[in-house]
Amino acid sequence: MIFRHVAVPVLTVGPGVEREPLYGVELKNILLATEFGVGAERQAAYAFALAQEQRSRITLLHVAERDDDAEKIVRQLKGLVPSGVDLHCLPLFRIEKGNAVHEILRAANETHADLIVLGAKSRDPLAVKPPRTKAYQVVCAASCPVLTIKF
């Protein structure tokens, strides 16, 4: 996937995107799925810039693989909100437990996401087969475009 090899964000419209915008692109709902760590602030900056420009509702999602401290995760999610952001609505914070790909896709469906923003780790460019990474699986199955940001 190209998004693993370029330094700029890549917008991908996968095979699951069936709807066409009537009068251009409207991003009413943005889903930022984050694992925190390297690049999370950069991903959040892109997501919030788009939300601000489009006057979108934004949901920040973290999928925990085990029972983590929910209060700590919410603090981390709140920490991703850039200072000085002027949004028309408050960001929503969501924590799910389980398979990350499944939960991201489910959250995108439930929030009626028009865009998913997520990070993508760089991979070996000499790999023969495309890896079945979380980002790759989300792009392939999402019903809306996905903005991937390499970290």
N, C-alpha and C. Protein backbone atom coordinates (compact mmCIF):
# COMPACT_ATOMS: atom_id res chain seq x y z
N MET A 1 0.84 -1.18 0.00
CA MET A 1 0.00 0.00 0.00
C MET A 1 0.89 1.24 0.00
N ILE A 2 0.51 2.19 -0.83
CA ILE A 2 1.29 3.41 -1.00
C ILE A 2 1.41 4.20 0.29
N PHE A 3 0.36 4.15 1.15
CA PHE A 3 0.38 4.98 2.35
C PHE A 3 1.49 4.59 3.32
N ARG A 4 2.12 3.46 3.12
CA ARG A 4 3.22 3.04 3.99
C ARG A 4 4.57 3.58 3.54
N HIS A 5 4.64 4.18 2.34
CA HIS A 5 5.92 4.55 1.77
C HIS A 5 6.07 6.03 1.48
N VAL A 6 5.06 6.84 1.76
CA VAL A 6 5.15 8.27 1.49
C VAL A 6 5.05 9.04 2.79
N ALA A 7 5.62 10.24 2.79
CA ALA A 7 5.66 11.05 4.01
C ALA A 7 4.40 11.88 4.20
N VAL A 8 3.56 11.94 3.20
CA VAL A 8 2.34 12.76 3.30
C VAL A 8 1.14 11.86 3.57
N PRO A 9 0.08 12.41 4.16
CA PRO A 9 -1.14 11.62 4.38
C PRO A 9 -1.73 11.17 3.04
N VAL A 10 -2.35 10.00 3.05
CA VAL A 10 -2.95 9.44 1.84
C VAL A 10 -4.43 9.17 2.09
N LEU A 11 -5.27 9.70 1.21
CA LEU A 11 -6.70 9.45 1.28
C LEU A 11 -7.02 8.29 0.35
N THR A 12 -7.61 7.23 0.92
CA THR A 12 -7.92 6.03 0.15
C THR A 12 -9.42 5.80 0.15
N VAL A 13 -9.95 5.59 -1.03
CA VAL A 13 -11.35 5.20 -1.17
C VAL A 13 -11.33 3.73 -1.53
N GLY A 14 -11.62 2.90 -0.55
CA GLY A 14 -11.54 1.46 -0.73
C GLY A 14 -12.74 0.87 -1.45
N PRO A 15 -12.70 -0.43 -1.67
CA PRO A 15 -13.77 -1.10 -2.42
C PRO A 15 -15.12 -1.11 -1.71
N GLY A 16 -15.13 -0.85 -0.40
CA GLY A 16 -16.38 -0.85 0.35
C GLY A 16 -17.14 0.46 0.30
N VAL A 17 -16.56 1.49 -0.33
CA VAL A 17 -17.21 2.80 -0.40
C VAL A 17 -18.13 2.80 -1.61
N GLU A 18 -19.42 2.83 -1.33
CA GLU A 18 -20.41 2.75 -2.41
C GLU A 18 -21.15 4.06 -2.63
N ARG A 19 -21.20 4.90 -1.62
CA ARG A 19 -21.97 6.14 -1.75
C ARG A 19 -21.12 7.23 -2.42
N GLU A 20 -21.78 8.04 -3.21
CA GLU A 20 -21.14 9.16 -3.85
C GLU A 20 -21.71 10.44 -3.28
N PRO A 21 -20.86 11.44 -3.05
CA PRO A 21 -21.40 12.70 -2.53
C PRO A 21 -22.26 13.40 -3.58
N LEU A 22 -23.35 14.02 -3.13
CA LEU A 22 -24.25 14.71 -4.05
C LEU A 22 -23.64 15.99 -4.60
N TYR A 23 -23.08 16.80 -3.73
CA TYR A 23 -22.56 18.12 -4.14
C TYR A 23 -21.15 18.34 -3.61
N GLY A 24 -20.28 17.41 -3.82
CA GLY A 24 -18.93 17.53 -3.29
C GLY A 24 -18.80 16.77 -1.98
N VAL A 25 -17.67 16.90 -1.38
CA VAL A 25 -17.36 16.15 -0.17
C VAL A 25 -17.88 16.92 1.06
N GLU A 26 -18.64 16.22 1.86
CA GLU A 26 -19.10 16.76 3.14
C GLU A 26 -18.64 15.82 4.24
N LEU A 27 -17.86 16.33 5.14
CA LEU A 27 -17.39 15.53 6.26
C LEU A 27 -18.15 15.95 7.51
N LYS A 28 -19.28 15.34 7.72
CA LYS A 28 -20.09 15.67 8.90
C LYS A 28 -19.57 14.97 10.15
N ASN A 29 -19.02 13.77 9.96
CA ASN A 29 -18.55 12.96 11.08
C ASN A 29 -17.19 12.37 10.75
N ILE A 30 -16.21 12.66 11.60
CA ILE A 30 -14.85 12.14 11.43
C ILE A 30 -14.55 11.22 12.60
N LEU A 31 -13.97 10.08 12.30
CA LEU A 31 -13.53 9.13 13.33
C LEU A 31 -12.02 9.08 13.33
N LEU A 32 -11.40 9.44 14.44
CA LEU A 32 -9.96 9.32 14.61
C LEU A 32 -9.70 8.10 15.48
N ALA A 33 -9.13 7.06 14.87
CA ALA A 33 -8.79 5.85 15.62
C ALA A 33 -7.31 5.91 15.95
N THR A 34 -6.99 5.80 17.23
CA THR A 34 -5.60 5.96 17.65
C THR A 34 -5.16 4.85 18.59
N GLU A 35 -3.90 4.49 18.45
CA GLU A 35 -3.25 3.57 19.38
C GLU A 35 -2.32 4.33 20.32
N PHE A 36 -2.36 5.67 20.21
CA PHE A 36 -1.45 6.56 20.93
C PHE A 36 -0.04 6.32 20.40
N GLY A 37 0.95 6.68 21.14
CA GLY A 37 2.33 6.44 20.72
C GLY A 37 2.80 7.39 19.63
N VAL A 38 3.82 6.94 18.93
CA VAL A 38 4.48 7.75 17.90
C VAL A 38 3.48 8.18 16.84
N GLY A 39 3.44 9.46 16.55
CA GLY A 39 2.61 9.96 15.48
C GLY A 39 1.17 10.30 15.86
N ALA A 40 0.75 9.99 17.06
CA ALA A 40 -0.65 10.23 17.45
C ALA A 40 -1.02 11.71 17.39
N GLU A 41 -0.10 12.57 17.83
CA GLU A 41 -0.39 14.01 17.80
C GLU A 41 -0.52 14.51 16.36
N ARG A 42 0.31 13.98 15.47
CA ARG A 42 0.24 14.38 14.05
C ARG A 42 -1.08 13.92 13.43
N GLN A 43 -1.49 12.71 13.75
CA GLN A 43 -2.77 12.20 13.24
C GLN A 43 -3.92 13.06 13.76
N ALA A 44 -3.87 13.39 15.04
CA ALA A 44 -4.92 14.22 15.65
C ALA A 44 -4.93 15.61 15.02
N ALA A 45 -3.78 16.16 14.75
CA ALA A 45 -3.72 17.50 14.15
C ALA A 45 -4.42 17.52 12.79
N TYR A 46 -4.20 16.51 11.96
CA TYR A 46 -4.89 16.42 10.67
C TYR A 46 -6.39 16.26 10.87
N ALA A 47 -6.78 15.36 11.76
CA ALA A 47 -8.20 15.10 11.98
C ALA A 47 -8.91 16.36 12.48
N PHE A 48 -8.31 17.06 13.43
CA PHE A 48 -8.95 18.25 13.98
C PHE A 48 -8.95 19.41 12.98
N ALA A 49 -7.92 19.52 12.16
CA ALA A 49 -7.90 20.56 11.13
C ALA A 49 -9.06 20.34 10.15
N LEU A 50 -9.26 19.10 9.75
CA LEU A 50 -10.38 18.79 8.86
C LEU A 50 -11.72 19.04 9.55
N ALA A 51 -11.82 18.63 10.79
CA ALA A 51 -13.07 18.83 11.54
C ALA A 51 -13.39 20.31 11.68
N GLN A 52 -12.38 21.09 11.93
CA GLN A 52 -12.57 22.53 12.08
C GLN A 52 -12.98 23.15 10.75
N GLU A 53 -12.28 22.78 9.69
CA GLU A 53 -12.58 23.34 8.36
C GLU A 53 -13.97 22.95 7.87
N GLN A 54 -14.35 21.70 8.11
CA GLN A 54 -15.62 21.18 7.62
C GLN A 54 -16.77 21.33 8.61
N ARG A 55 -16.45 21.85 9.81
CA ARG A 55 -17.45 21.96 10.88
C ARG A 55 -18.06 20.59 11.19
N SER A 56 -17.17 19.63 11.35
CA SER A 56 -17.56 18.24 11.56
C SER A 56 -17.61 17.87 13.03
N ARG A 57 -18.36 16.86 13.32
CA ARG A 57 -18.30 16.21 14.62
C ARG A 57 -17.11 15.25 14.56
N ILE A 58 -16.36 15.17 15.64
CA ILE A 58 -15.20 14.28 15.66
C ILE A 58 -15.27 13.36 16.86
N THR A 59 -15.01 12.08 16.59
CA THR A 59 -14.97 11.06 17.63
C THR A 59 -13.56 10.51 17.69
N LEU A 60 -12.98 10.49 18.88
CA LEU A 60 -11.66 9.89 19.09
C LEU A 60 -11.87 8.52 19.68
N LEU A 61 -11.30 7.51 19.05
CA LEU A 61 -11.50 6.12 19.44
C LEU A 61 -10.17 5.47 19.78
N HIS A 62 -10.17 4.74 20.88
CA HIS A 62 -9.04 3.87 21.22
C HIS A 62 -9.60 2.48 21.50
N VAL A 63 -9.02 1.49 20.85
CA VAL A 63 -9.44 0.11 21.07
C VAL A 63 -8.40 -0.56 21.96
N ALA A 64 -8.84 -0.97 23.14
CA ALA A 64 -7.97 -1.64 24.09
C ALA A 64 -8.09 -3.15 23.89
N GLU A 65 -6.99 -3.84 23.95
CA GLU A 65 -7.03 -5.29 23.80
C GLU A 65 -7.34 -5.99 25.11
N ARG A 66 -7.23 -5.26 26.21
CA ARG A 66 -7.55 -5.82 27.52
C ARG A 66 -8.21 -4.73 28.35
N ASP A 67 -8.58 -5.06 29.56
CA ASP A 67 -9.22 -4.07 30.44
C ASP A 67 -8.17 -3.08 30.93
N ASP A 68 -8.09 -1.96 30.26
CA ASP A 68 -7.19 -0.89 30.67
C ASP A 68 -7.97 0.12 31.49
N ASP A 69 -7.25 1.03 32.12
CA ASP A 69 -7.85 2.07 32.94
C ASP A 69 -8.56 3.07 32.04
N ALA A 70 -9.88 3.06 32.07
CA ALA A 70 -10.69 3.92 31.20
C ALA A 70 -10.42 5.40 31.44
N GLU A 71 -10.27 5.79 32.69
CA GLU A 71 -10.00 7.20 32.99
C GLU A 71 -8.68 7.65 32.39
N LYS A 72 -7.68 6.79 32.45
CA LYS A 72 -6.37 7.11 31.88
C LYS A 72 -6.48 7.25 30.36
N ILE A 73 -7.22 6.37 29.74
CA ILE A 73 -7.37 6.41 28.28
C ILE A 73 -8.11 7.68 27.86
N VAL A 74 -9.15 8.06 28.60
CA VAL A 74 -9.88 9.29 28.27
C VAL A 74 -8.95 10.50 28.42
N ARG A 75 -8.11 10.52 29.45
CA ARG A 75 -7.14 11.61 29.60
C ARG A 75 -6.20 11.66 28.40
N GLN A 76 -5.75 10.49 27.95
CA GLN A 76 -4.86 10.45 26.78
C GLN A 76 -5.59 10.94 25.53
N LEU A 77 -6.85 10.55 25.36
CA LEU A 77 -7.63 11.02 24.21
C LEU A 77 -7.81 12.53 24.28
N LYS A 78 -8.13 13.05 25.45
CA LYS A 78 -8.29 14.50 25.61
C LYS A 78 -6.97 15.22 25.34
N GLY A 79 -5.88 14.57 25.67
CA GLY A 79 -4.56 15.16 25.41
C GLY A 79 -4.24 15.30 23.94
N LEU A 80 -4.96 14.60 23.08
CA LEU A 80 -4.75 14.70 21.64
C LEU A 80 -5.48 15.89 21.02
N VAL A 81 -6.37 16.51 21.78
CA VAL A 81 -7.10 17.67 21.26
C VAL A 81 -6.13 18.85 21.24
N PRO A 82 -5.84 19.38 20.05
CA PRO A 82 -4.88 20.49 19.95
C PRO A 82 -5.39 21.72 20.71
N SER A 83 -4.48 22.43 21.35
CA SER A 83 -4.89 23.63 22.07
C SER A 83 -5.32 24.71 21.07
N GLY A 84 -6.30 25.48 21.46
CA GLY A 84 -6.77 26.56 20.60
C GLY A 84 -7.70 26.13 19.49
N VAL A 85 -8.10 24.86 19.49
CA VAL A 85 -9.01 24.38 18.46
C VAL A 85 -10.39 24.98 18.71
N ASP A 86 -10.98 25.50 17.64
CA ASP A 86 -12.30 26.11 17.73
C ASP A 86 -13.28 25.23 16.97
N LEU A 87 -13.90 24.30 17.68
CA LEU A 87 -14.85 23.39 17.06
C LEU A 87 -16.27 23.83 17.37
N HIS A 88 -17.18 23.54 16.45
CA HIS A 88 -18.58 23.90 16.69
C HIS A 88 -19.26 22.92 17.63
N CYS A 89 -18.63 21.79 17.87
CA CYS A 89 -19.17 20.83 18.84
C CYS A 89 -18.01 20.18 19.58
N LEU A 90 -18.29 19.66 20.72
CA LEU A 90 -17.25 19.02 21.52
C LEU A 90 -16.88 17.67 20.93
N PRO A 91 -15.58 17.32 21.01
CA PRO A 91 -15.20 15.99 20.54
C PRO A 91 -15.78 14.91 21.46
N LEU A 92 -16.05 13.76 20.88
CA LEU A 92 -16.53 12.62 21.64
C LEU A 92 -15.36 11.66 21.86
N PHE A 93 -15.32 11.04 23.02
CA PHE A 93 -14.25 10.11 23.35
C PHE A 93 -14.86 8.73 23.54
N ARG A 94 -14.27 7.75 22.87
CA ARG A 94 -14.85 6.41 22.86
C ARG A 94 -13.74 5.38 23.09
N ILE A 95 -14.03 4.44 23.97
CA ILE A 95 -13.11 3.34 24.25
C ILE A 95 -13.86 2.04 23.97
N GLU A 96 -13.25 1.18 23.20
CA GLU A 96 -13.81 -0.14 22.93
C GLU A 96 -12.77 -1.18 23.30
N LYS A 97 -13.23 -2.39 23.45
CA LYS A 97 -12.34 -3.50 23.79
C LYS A 97 -12.54 -4.58 22.74
N GLY A 98 -11.46 -5.19 22.28
CA GLY A 98 -11.58 -6.28 21.33
C GLY A 98 -10.66 -6.13 20.14
N ASN A 99 -11.10 -6.69 19.03
CA ASN A 99 -10.34 -6.66 17.78
C ASN A 99 -10.38 -5.25 17.21
N ALA A 100 -9.22 -4.64 17.01
CA ALA A 100 -9.15 -3.24 16.59
C ALA A 100 -9.85 -2.99 15.26
N VAL A 101 -9.62 -3.83 14.27
CA VAL A 101 -10.22 -3.62 12.95
C VAL A 101 -11.75 -3.68 13.06
N HIS A 102 -12.25 -4.70 13.73
CA HIS A 102 -13.70 -4.84 13.89
C HIS A 102 -14.30 -3.64 14.62
N GLU A 103 -13.65 -3.22 15.69
CA GLU A 103 -14.19 -2.12 16.50
C GLU A 103 -14.10 -0.79 15.76
N ILE A 104 -13.05 -0.56 14.98
CA ILE A 104 -12.95 0.68 14.20
C ILE A 104 -14.08 0.73 13.17
N LEU A 105 -14.28 -0.38 12.48
CA LEU A 105 -15.34 -0.42 11.46
C LEU A 105 -16.73 -0.28 12.09
N ARG A 106 -16.91 -0.89 13.25
CA ARG A 106 -18.20 -0.78 13.94
C ARG A 106 -18.44 0.65 14.41
N ALA A 107 -17.41 1.28 14.97
CA ALA A 107 -17.54 2.66 15.42
C ALA A 107 -17.80 3.60 14.25
N ALA A 108 -17.15 3.35 13.12
CA ALA A 108 -17.37 4.17 11.93
C ALA A 108 -18.82 4.06 11.48
N ASN A 109 -19.35 2.86 11.52
CA ASN A 109 -20.75 2.64 11.14
C ASN A 109 -21.69 3.34 12.13
N GLU A 110 -21.46 3.16 13.41
CA GLU A 110 -22.34 3.72 14.43
C GLU A 110 -22.31 5.25 14.48
N THR A 111 -21.17 5.84 14.16
CA THR A 111 -21.06 7.30 14.19
C THR A 111 -21.35 7.92 12.82
N HIS A 112 -21.69 7.08 11.85
CA HIS A 112 -21.95 7.54 10.48
C HIS A 112 -20.76 8.31 9.93
N ALA A 113 -19.57 7.76 10.17
CA ALA A 113 -18.33 8.44 9.77
C ALA A 113 -18.28 8.65 8.26
N ASP A 114 -17.89 9.85 7.90
CA ASP A 114 -17.64 10.19 6.50
C ASP A 114 -16.15 10.05 6.18
N LEU A 115 -15.35 9.92 7.23
CA LEU A 115 -13.90 9.78 7.09
C LEU A 115 -13.35 9.11 8.33
N ILE A 116 -12.43 8.17 8.11
CA ILE A 116 -11.67 7.55 9.20
C ILE A 116 -10.24 8.05 9.08
N VAL A 117 -9.67 8.51 10.18
CA VAL A 117 -8.27 8.93 10.21
C VAL A 117 -7.53 7.95 11.11
N LEU A 118 -6.44 7.39 10.58
CA LEU A 118 -5.64 6.48 11.40
C LEU A 118 -4.19 6.47 10.96
N GLY A 119 -3.36 5.95 11.82
CA GLY A 119 -1.93 5.87 11.54
C GLY A 119 -1.59 4.59 10.81
N ALA A 120 -0.46 4.64 10.11
CA ALA A 120 0.03 3.46 9.39
C ALA A 120 1.54 3.36 9.60
N LYS A 121 1.97 2.24 10.13
CA LYS A 121 3.40 2.03 10.33
C LYS A 121 4.07 1.79 8.99
N SER A 122 5.30 2.28 8.85
CA SER A 122 6.02 2.02 7.61
C SER A 122 6.46 0.56 7.61
N ARG A 123 6.53 -0.03 6.43
CA ARG A 123 6.89 -1.44 6.27
C ARG A 123 8.04 -1.56 5.30
N ASP A 124 8.63 -2.73 5.25
CA ASP A 124 9.73 -3.02 4.34
C ASP A 124 9.24 -2.90 2.90
N PRO A 125 9.84 -2.01 2.11
CA PRO A 125 9.38 -1.84 0.73
C PRO A 125 9.66 -3.05 -0.15
N LEU A 126 10.47 -3.99 0.30
CA LEU A 126 10.79 -5.17 -0.48
C LEU A 126 9.85 -6.34 -0.19
N ALA A 127 8.88 -6.13 0.67
CA ALA A 127 7.94 -7.21 0.99
C ALA A 127 7.18 -7.62 -0.27
N VAL A 128 7.07 -8.92 -0.51
CA VAL A 128 6.44 -9.42 -1.72
C VAL A 128 4.93 -9.26 -1.67
N LYS A 129 4.31 -9.67 -0.58
CA LYS A 129 2.86 -9.58 -0.44
C LYS A 129 2.50 -8.38 0.42
N PRO A 130 1.36 -7.74 0.13
CA PRO A 130 0.94 -6.66 1.03
C PRO A 130 0.60 -7.25 2.40
N PRO A 131 1.06 -6.62 3.46
CA PRO A 131 0.77 -7.15 4.79
C PRO A 131 -0.70 -6.99 5.14
N ARG A 132 -1.18 -7.88 5.96
CA ARG A 132 -2.57 -7.82 6.42
C ARG A 132 -2.60 -7.05 7.73
N THR A 133 -2.14 -5.82 7.68
CA THR A 133 -2.10 -4.98 8.87
C THR A 133 -3.48 -4.42 9.17
N LYS A 134 -3.60 -3.82 10.34
CA LYS A 134 -4.86 -3.21 10.73
C LYS A 134 -5.26 -2.12 9.74
N ALA A 135 -4.32 -1.26 9.40
CA ALA A 135 -4.64 -0.17 8.47
C ALA A 135 -5.11 -0.72 7.12
N TYR A 136 -4.43 -1.71 6.62
CA TYR A 136 -4.80 -2.32 5.34
C TYR A 136 -6.21 -2.92 5.41
N GLN A 137 -6.50 -3.62 6.49
CA GLN A 137 -7.82 -4.24 6.64
C GLN A 137 -8.92 -3.20 6.77
N VAL A 138 -8.65 -2.11 7.48
CA VAL A 138 -9.65 -1.05 7.62
C VAL A 138 -9.92 -0.41 6.26
N VAL A 139 -8.87 -0.08 5.52
CA VAL A 139 -9.03 0.52 4.19
C VAL A 139 -9.86 -0.39 3.29
N CYS A 140 -9.59 -1.68 3.33
CA CYS A 140 -10.29 -2.63 2.45
C CYS A 140 -11.76 -2.80 2.82
N ALA A 141 -12.11 -2.64 4.08
CA ALA A 141 -13.48 -2.93 4.53
C ALA A 141 -14.32 -1.70 4.86
N ALA A 142 -13.72 -0.53 4.93
CA ALA A 142 -14.45 0.67 5.35
C ALA A 142 -15.49 1.09 4.32
N SER A 143 -16.59 1.62 4.81
CA SER A 143 -17.64 2.11 3.92
C SER A 143 -17.50 3.60 3.66
N CYS A 144 -16.39 4.19 4.13
CA CYS A 144 -16.09 5.59 3.88
C CYS A 144 -14.60 5.71 3.58
N PRO A 145 -14.15 6.83 3.03
CA PRO A 145 -12.71 7.01 2.78
C PRO A 145 -11.91 6.96 4.07
N VAL A 146 -10.62 6.59 3.93
CA VAL A 146 -9.72 6.49 5.07
C VAL A 146 -8.49 7.35 4.80
N LEU A 147 -8.18 8.23 5.73
CA LEU A 147 -6.98 9.05 5.65
C LEU A 147 -5.92 8.40 6.52
N THR A 148 -4.87 7.88 5.89
CA THR A 148 -3.81 7.22 6.65
C THR A 148 -2.60 8.15 6.73
N ILE A 149 -2.01 8.17 7.89
CA ILE A 149 -0.87 9.04 8.15
C ILE A 149 0.26 8.16 8.66
N LYS A 150 1.34 8.09 7.87
CA LYS A 150 2.47 7.23 8.21
C LYS A 150 3.22 7.78 9.42
N PHE A 151 3.62 6.86 10.28
CA PHE A 151 4.47 7.25 11.42
C PHE A 151 5.65 6.33 11.51
